[in-house]
PDB file of all heavy atoms in Angstrom:
ATOM      1  N   ALA A   1      91.240  84.320 101.291  1.00  0.00           N
ATOM      2  CA  ALA A   1      89.939  84.701 100.728  1.00  0.00           C
ATOM      3  C   ALA A   1      89.939  86.203 100.450  1.00  0.00           C
ATOM      4  O   ALA A   1      89.492  86.682  99.394  1.00  0.00           O
ATOM      5  CB  ALA A   1      88.826  84.276 101.626  1.00  0.00           C
ATOM      6  N   LEU A   2      90.459  87.000 101.401  1.00  0.00           N
ATOM      7  CA  LEU A   2      90.447  88.470 101.231  1.00  0.00           C
ATOM      8  C   LEU A   2      91.383  88.837 100.082  1.00  0.00           C
ATOM      9  O   LEU A   2      91.051  89.714  99.274  1.00  0.00           O
ATOM     10  CB  LEU A   2      90.890  89.110 102.504  1.00  0.00           C
ATOM     11  CG  LEU A   2      89.915  89.133 103.675  1.00  0.00           C
ATOM     12  CD1 LEU A   2      90.621  89.551 104.977  1.00  0.00           C
ATOM     13  CD2 LEU A   2      88.694  90.000 103.375  1.00  0.00           C
ATOM     14  N   ALA A   3      92.563  88.210 100.015  1.00  0.00           N
ATOM     15  CA  ALA A   3      93.557  88.535  98.968  1.00  0.00           C
ATOM     16  C   ALA A   3      93.088  88.139  97.599  1.00  0.00           C
ATOM     17  O   ALA A   3      93.376  88.892  96.638  1.00  0.00           O
ATOM     18  CB  ALA A   3      94.896  87.807  99.297  1.00  0.00           C
ATOM     19  N   ARG A   4      92.349  87.099  97.520  1.00  0.00           N
ATOM     20  CA  ARG A   4      91.757  86.705  96.188  1.00  0.00           C
ATOM     21  C   ARG A   4      90.675  87.642  95.756  1.00  0.00           C
ATOM     22  O   ARG A   4      90.519  87.857  94.531  1.00  0.00           O
ATOM     23  CB  ARG A   4      91.270  85.253  96.265  1.00  0.00           C
ATOM     24  CG  ARG A   4      92.333  84.233  96.263  1.00  0.00           C
ATOM     25  CD  ARG A   4      91.818  82.807  96.412  1.00  0.00           C
ATOM     26  NE  ARG A   4      92.907  81.843  96.261  1.00  0.00           N
ATOM     27  CZ  ARG A   4      92.792  80.585  96.664  1.00  0.00           C
ATOM     28  NH1 ARG A   4      91.697  80.155  97.268  1.00  0.00           N
ATOM     29  NH2 ARG A   4      93.831  79.781  96.488  1.00  0.00           N
ATOM     30  N   THR A   5      89.935  88.203  96.709  1.00  0.00           N
ATOM     31  CA  THR A   5      88.865  89.150  96.308  1.00  0.00           C
ATOM     32  C   THR A   5      89.381  90.515  95.982  1.00  0.00           C
ATOM     33  O   THR A   5      88.956  91.107  95.001  1.00  0.00           O
ATOM     34  CB  THR A   5      87.889  89.302  97.554  1.00  0.00           C
ATOM     35  OG1 THR A   5      87.390  88.021  97.863  1.00  0.00           O
ATOM     36  CG2 THR A   5      86.776  90.223  97.213  1.00  0.00           C
ATOM     37  N   ASN A   6      90.360  90.984  96.798  1.00  0.00           N
ATOM     38  CA  ASN A   6      90.928  92.301  96.584  1.00  0.00           C
ATOM     39  C   ASN A   6      92.436  92.240  96.897  1.00  0.00           C
ATOM     40  O   ASN A   6      92.807  92.441  98.070  1.00  0.00           O
ATOM     41  CB  ASN A   6      90.198  93.302  97.491  1.00  0.00           C
ATOM     42  CG  ASN A   6      90.554  94.723  97.124  1.00  0.00           C
ATOM     43  OD1 ASN A   6      91.216  95.015  96.078  1.00  0.00           O
ATOM     44  ND2 ASN A   6      90.184  95.639  97.989  1.00  0.00           N
ATOM     45  N   PRO A   7      93.275  91.889  95.974  1.00  0.00           N
ATOM     46  CA  PRO A   7      94.704  91.707  96.175  1.00  0.00           C
ATOM     47  C   PRO A   7      95.375  92.909  96.862  1.00  0.00           C
ATOM     48  O   PRO A   7      95.293  94.039  96.368  1.00  0.00           O
ATOM     49  CB  PRO A   7      95.318  91.458  94.843  1.00  0.00           C
ATOM     50  CG  PRO A   7      94.170  91.013  93.981  1.00  0.00           C
ATOM     51  CD  PRO A   7      92.976  91.736  94.517  1.00  0.00           C
ATOM     52  N   PRO A   8      96.041  92.653  98.034  1.00  0.00           N
ATOM     53  CA  PRO A   8      96.779  93.792  98.698  1.00  0.00           C
ATOM     54  C   PRO A   8      98.118  93.995  98.035  1.00  0.00           C
ATOM     55  O   PRO A   8      98.571  93.177  97.253  1.00  0.00           O
ATOM     56  CB  PRO A   8      96.936  93.212 100.067  1.00  0.00           C
ATOM     57  CG  PRO A   8      97.094  91.735  99.860  1.00  0.00           C
ATOM     58  CD  PRO A   8      96.132  91.407  98.743  1.00  0.00           C
ATOM     59  N   ASP A   9      98.701  95.126  98.332  1.00  0.00           N
ATOM     60  CA  ASP A   9     100.059  95.445  97.862  1.00  0.00           C
ATOM     61  C   ASP A   9     101.120  94.691  98.696  1.00  0.00           C
ATOM     62  O   ASP A   9     102.197  94.418  98.209  1.00  0.00           O
ATOM     63  CB  ASP A   9     100.301  96.890  97.923  1.00  0.00           C
ATOM     64  CG  ASP A   9      99.348  97.657  96.990  1.00  0.00           C
ATOM     65  OD1 ASP A   9      99.407  97.447  95.811  1.00  0.00           O
ATOM     66  OD2 ASP A   9      98.498  98.484  97.518  1.00  0.00           O
ATOM     67  N   LEU A  10     100.755  94.467  99.960  1.00  0.00           N
ATOM     68  CA  LEU A  10     101.722  93.832 100.844  1.00  0.00           C
ATOM     69  C   LEU A  10     100.954  92.963 101.879  1.00  0.00           C
ATOM     70  O   LEU A  10      99.892  93.350 102.357  1.00  0.00           O
ATOM     71  CB  LEU A  10     102.495  94.877 101.617  1.00  0.00           C
ATOM     72  CG  LEU A  10     103.489  94.446 102.767  1.00  0.00           C
ATOM     73  CD1 LEU A  10     104.642  93.694 102.152  1.00  0.00           C
ATOM     74  CD2 LEU A  10     103.934  95.659 103.551  1.00  0.00           C
ATOM     75  N   ILE A  11     101.494  91.791 102.199  1.00  0.00           N
ATOM     76  CA  ILE A  11     100.916  90.881 103.214  1.00  0.00           C
ATOM     77  C   ILE A  11     101.964  90.746 104.317  1.00  0.00           C
ATOM     78  O   ILE A  11     103.087  90.359 104.091  1.00  0.00           O
ATOM     79  CB  ILE A  11     100.561  89.535 102.678  1.00  0.00           C
ATOM     80  CG1 ILE A  11      99.445  89.647 101.617  1.00  0.00           C
ATOM     81  CG2 ILE A  11     100.063  88.634 103.831  1.00  0.00           C
ATOM     82  CD1 ILE A  11      99.144  88.336 100.922  1.00  0.00           C
ATOM     83  N   ILE A  12     101.589  91.049 105.595  1.00  0.00           N
ATOM     84  CA  ILE A  12     102.412  90.850 106.713  1.00  0.00           C
ATOM     85  C   ILE A  12     101.674  89.794 107.548  1.00  0.00           C
ATOM     86  O   ILE A  12     100.541  89.972 108.007  1.00  0.00           O
ATOM     87  CB  ILE A  12     102.580  92.131 107.534  1.00  0.00           C
ATOM     88  CG1 ILE A  12     103.238  93.210 106.688  1.00  0.00           C
ATOM     89  CG2 ILE A  12     103.397  91.908 108.823  1.00  0.00           C
ATOM     90  CD1 ILE A  12     103.362  94.534 107.344  1.00  0.00           C
ATOM     91  N   SER A  13     102.357  88.602 107.751  1.00  0.00           N
ATOM     92  CA  SER A  13     101.680  87.519 108.330  1.00  0.00           C
ATOM     93  C   SER A  13     102.469  86.915 109.492  1.00  0.00           C
ATOM     94  O   SER A  13     103.647  86.801 109.437  1.00  0.00           O
ATOM     95  CB  SER A  13     101.442  86.416 107.265  1.00  0.00           C
ATOM     96  OG  SER A  13     100.837  85.295 107.811  1.00  0.00           O
ATOM     97  N   ASP A  14     101.707  86.489 110.530  1.00  0.00           N
ATOM     98  CA  ASP A  14     102.235  85.670 111.568  1.00  0.00           C
ATOM     99  C   ASP A  14     102.520  84.331 110.961  1.00  0.00           C
ATOM    100  O   ASP A  14     101.977  84.020 109.880  1.00  0.00           O
ATOM    101  CB  ASP A  14     101.216  85.544 112.627  1.00  0.00           C
ATOM    102  CG  ASP A  14     101.642  84.812 113.915  1.00  0.00           C
ATOM    103  OD1 ASP A  14     102.874  84.525 114.027  1.00  0.00           O
ATOM    104  OD2 ASP A  14     100.848  84.550 114.771  1.00  0.00           O
ATOM    105  N   VAL A  15     103.410  83.503 111.546  1.00  0.00           N
ATOM    106  CA  VAL A  15     103.726  82.189 110.996  1.00  0.00           C
ATOM    107  C   VAL A  15     102.835  81.141 111.581  1.00  0.00           C
ATOM    108  O   VAL A  15     102.211  80.311 110.923  1.00  0.00           O
ATOM    109  CB  VAL A  15     105.197  81.852 111.199  1.00  0.00           C
ATOM    110  CG1 VAL A  15     105.510  80.465 110.732  1.00  0.00           C
ATOM    111  CG2 VAL A  15     106.068  82.862 110.410  1.00  0.00           C
ATOM    112  N   LEU A  16     102.710  81.114 112.909  1.00  0.00           N
ATOM    113  CA  LEU A  16     101.972  80.076 113.618  1.00  0.00           C
ATOM    114  C   LEU A  16     100.557  80.543 113.944  1.00  0.00           C
ATOM    115  O   LEU A  16     100.371  81.446 114.796  1.00  0.00           O
ATOM    116  CB  LEU A  16     102.654  79.674 114.890  1.00  0.00           C
ATOM    117  CG  LEU A  16     104.117  79.110 114.711  1.00  0.00           C
ATOM    118  CD1 LEU A  16     104.745  78.848 116.077  1.00  0.00           C
ATOM    119  CD2 LEU A  16     104.066  77.847 113.867  1.00  0.00           C
ATOM    120  N   MET A  17      99.582  80.001 113.217  1.00  0.00           N
ATOM    121  CA  MET A  17      98.188  80.400 113.378  1.00  0.00           C
ATOM    122  C   MET A  17      97.309  79.150 113.162  1.00  0.00           C
ATOM    123  O   MET A  17      97.715  78.197 112.451  1.00  0.00           O
ATOM    124  CB  MET A  17      97.743  81.396 112.308  1.00  0.00           C
ATOM    125  CG  MET A  17      98.502  82.716 112.378  1.00  0.00           C
ATOM    126  SD  MET A  17      98.000  83.860 111.066  1.00  0.00           S
ATOM    127  CE  MET A  17      98.701  83.096 109.640  1.00  0.00           C
ATOM    128  N   PRO A  18      96.105  79.092 113.729  1.00  0.00           N
ATOM    129  CA  PRO A  18      95.179  78.019 113.479  1.00  0.00           C
ATOM    130  C   PRO A  18      94.640  78.106 112.068  1.00  0.00           C
ATOM    131  O   PRO A  18      94.753  79.155 111.439  1.00  0.00           O
ATOM    132  CB  PRO A  18      94.117  78.221 114.571  1.00  0.00           C
ATOM    133  CG  PRO A  18      94.184  79.697 114.862  1.00  0.00           C
ATOM    134  CD  PRO A  18      95.586  80.139 114.663  1.00  0.00           C
ATOM    135  N   VAL A  19      93.990  77.076 111.654  1.00  0.00           N
ATOM    136  CA  VAL A  19      93.272  76.946 110.338  1.00  0.00           C
ATOM    137  C   VAL A  19      94.290  76.847 109.191  1.00  0.00           C
ATOM    138  O   VAL A  19      94.390  75.875 108.526  1.00  0.00           O
ATOM    139  CB  VAL A  19      92.293  78.078 110.151  1.00  0.00           C
ATOM    140  CG1 VAL A  19      91.536  77.848 108.860  1.00  0.00           C
ATOM    141  CG2 VAL A  19      91.268  78.184 111.288  1.00  0.00           C
ATOM    142  N   MET A  20      95.048  77.922 108.957  1.00  0.00           N
ATOM    143  CA  MET A  20      96.084  77.897 107.919  1.00  0.00           C
ATOM    144  C   MET A  20      97.231  78.765 108.431  1.00  0.00           C
ATOM    145  O   MET A  20      96.990  79.938 108.767  1.00  0.00           O
ATOM    146  CB  MET A  20      95.511  78.482 106.557  1.00  0.00           C
ATOM    147  CG  MET A  20      96.576  78.577 105.468  1.00  0.00           C
ATOM    148  SD  MET A  20      95.999  79.438 104.031  1.00  0.00           S
ATOM    149  CE  MET A  20      95.247  78.110 103.078  1.00  0.00           C
ATOM    150  N   ASP A  21      98.382  78.220 108.504  1.00  0.00           N
ATOM    151  CA  ASP A  21      99.535  79.003 109.004  1.00  0.00           C
ATOM    152  C   ASP A  21     100.154  79.831 107.947  1.00  0.00           C
ATOM    153  O   ASP A  21      99.700  79.870 106.769  1.00  0.00           O
ATOM    154  CB  ASP A  21     100.599  78.044 109.681  1.00  0.00           C
ATOM    155  CG  ASP A  21     101.285  77.126 108.683  1.00  0.00           C
ATOM    156  OD1 ASP A  21     101.248  77.415 107.461  1.00  0.00           O
ATOM    157  OD2 ASP A  21     101.794  76.102 109.109  1.00  0.00           O
ATOM    158  N   GLY A  22     101.100  80.690 108.316  1.00  0.00           N
ATOM    159  CA  GLY A  22     101.716  81.592 107.421  1.00  0.00           C
ATOM    160  C   GLY A  22     102.456  80.963 106.272  1.00  0.00           C
ATOM    161  O   GLY A  22     102.499  81.467 105.173  1.00  0.00           O
ATOM    162  N   TYR A  23     103.081  79.772 106.480  1.00  0.00           N
ATOM    163  CA  TYR A  23     103.720  79.055 105.407  1.00  0.00           C
ATOM    164  C   TYR A  23     102.756  78.588 104.367  1.00  0.00           C
ATOM    165  O   TYR A  23     103.022  78.738 103.165  1.00  0.00           O
ATOM    166  CB  TYR A  23     104.531  77.845 105.999  1.00  0.00           C
ATOM    167  CG  TYR A  23     105.615  78.197 106.927  1.00  0.00           C
ATOM    168  CD1 TYR A  23     105.539  77.807 108.291  1.00  0.00           C
ATOM    169  CD2 TYR A  23     106.710  78.863 106.522  1.00  0.00           C
ATOM    170  CE1 TYR A  23     106.550  78.171 109.164  1.00  0.00           C
ATOM    171  CE2 TYR A  23     107.749  79.238 107.407  1.00  0.00           C
ATOM    172  CZ  TYR A  23     107.649  78.836 108.752  1.00  0.00           C
ATOM    173  OH  TYR A  23     108.639  79.148 109.600  1.00  0.00           O
ATOM    174  N   ALA A  24     101.623  78.037 104.830  1.00  0.00           N
ATOM    175  CA  ALA A  24     100.598  77.561 103.819  1.00  0.00           C
ATOM    176  C   ALA A  24     100.025  78.756 103.068  1.00  0.00           C
ATOM    177  O   ALA A  24      99.744  78.666 101.876  1.00  0.00           O
ATOM    178  CB  ALA A  24      99.536  76.794 104.535  1.00  0.00           C
ATOM    179  N   LEU A  25      99.823  79.909 103.776  1.00  0.00           N
ATOM    180  CA  LEU A  25      99.335  81.082 103.104  1.00  0.00           C
ATOM    181  C   LEU A  25     100.318  81.560 102.011  1.00  0.00           C
ATOM    182  O   LEU A  25      99.882  81.848 100.939  1.00  0.00           O
ATOM    183  CB  LEU A  25      99.140  82.220 104.154  1.00  0.00           C
ATOM    184  CG  LEU A  25      98.788  83.582 103.590  1.00  0.00           C
ATOM    185  CD1 LEU A  25      97.521  83.533 102.866  1.00  0.00           C
ATOM    186  CD2 LEU A  25      98.724  84.644 104.725  1.00  0.00           C
ATOM    187  N   ARG A  26     101.586  81.560 102.324  1.00  0.00           N
ATOM    188  CA  ARG A  26     102.583  81.969 101.348  1.00  0.00           C
ATOM    189  C   ARG A  26     102.568  81.043 100.117  1.00  0.00           C
ATOM    190  O   ARG A  26     102.581  81.509  99.025  1.00  0.00           O
ATOM    191  CB  ARG A  26     104.008  81.898 101.983  1.00  0.00           C
ATOM    192  CG  ARG A  26     105.112  82.286 100.975  1.00  0.00           C
ATOM    193  CD  ARG A  26     106.505  82.150 101.597  1.00  0.00           C
ATOM    194  NE  ARG A  26     107.494  82.436 100.671  1.00  0.00           N
ATOM    195  CZ  ARG A  26     107.947  81.519  99.772  1.00  0.00           C
ATOM    196  NH1 ARG A  26     107.410  80.320  99.699  1.00  0.00           N
ATOM    197  NH2 ARG A  26     108.935  81.867  98.925  1.00  0.00           N
ATOM    198  N   ARG A  27     102.505  79.740 100.359  1.00  0.00           N
ATOM    199  CA  ARG A  27     102.460  78.794  99.263  1.00  0.00           C
ATOM    200  C   ARG A  27     101.230  79.043  98.378  1.00  0.00           C
ATOM    201  O   ARG A  27     101.289  79.039  97.116  1.00  0.00           O
ATOM    202  CB  ARG A  27     102.491  77.337  99.733  1.00  0.00           C
ATOM    203  CG  ARG A  27     103.872  76.880 100.171  1.00  0.00           C
ATOM    204  CD  ARG A  27     103.915  75.393 100.456  1.00  0.00           C
ATOM    205  NE  ARG A  27     102.966  74.993 101.473  1.00  0.00           N
ATOM    206  CZ  ARG A  27     103.292  74.947 102.793  1.00  0.00           C
ATOM    207  NH1 ARG A  27     104.471  75.322 103.266  1.00  0.00           N
ATOM    208  NH2 ARG A  27     102.405  74.534 103.694  1.00  0.00           N
ATOM    209  N   ALA A  28     100.054  79.247  99.048  1.00  0.00           N
ATOM    210  CA  ALA A  28      98.847  79.466  98.220  1.00  0.00           C
ATOM    211  C   ALA A  28      98.877  80.754  97.500  1.00  0.00           C
ATOM    212  O   ALA A  28      98.414  80.801  96.299  1.00  0.00           O
ATOM    213  CB  ALA A  28      97.640  79.534  99.225  1.00  0.00           C
ATOM    214  N   CYS A  29      99.485  81.800  98.041  1.00  0.00           N
ATOM    215  CA  CYS A  29      99.592  83.041  97.360  1.00  0.00           C
ATOM    216  C   CYS A  29     100.528  82.924  96.141  1.00  0.00           C
ATOM    217  O   CYS A  29     100.236  83.498  95.054  1.00  0.00           O
ATOM    218  CB  CYS A  29     100.120  84.150  98.240  1.00  0.00           C
ATOM    219  SG  CYS A  29      98.913  84.736  99.485  1.00  0.00           S
TER     220      CYS A  29
END
């Protein structure tokens, strides 16, 4: 949601997280 509102230059993400993990975030991006 934050990235869609104001796209960052770089995303650093954990992989294992609740709600949406890092893999799903990458695919959505």
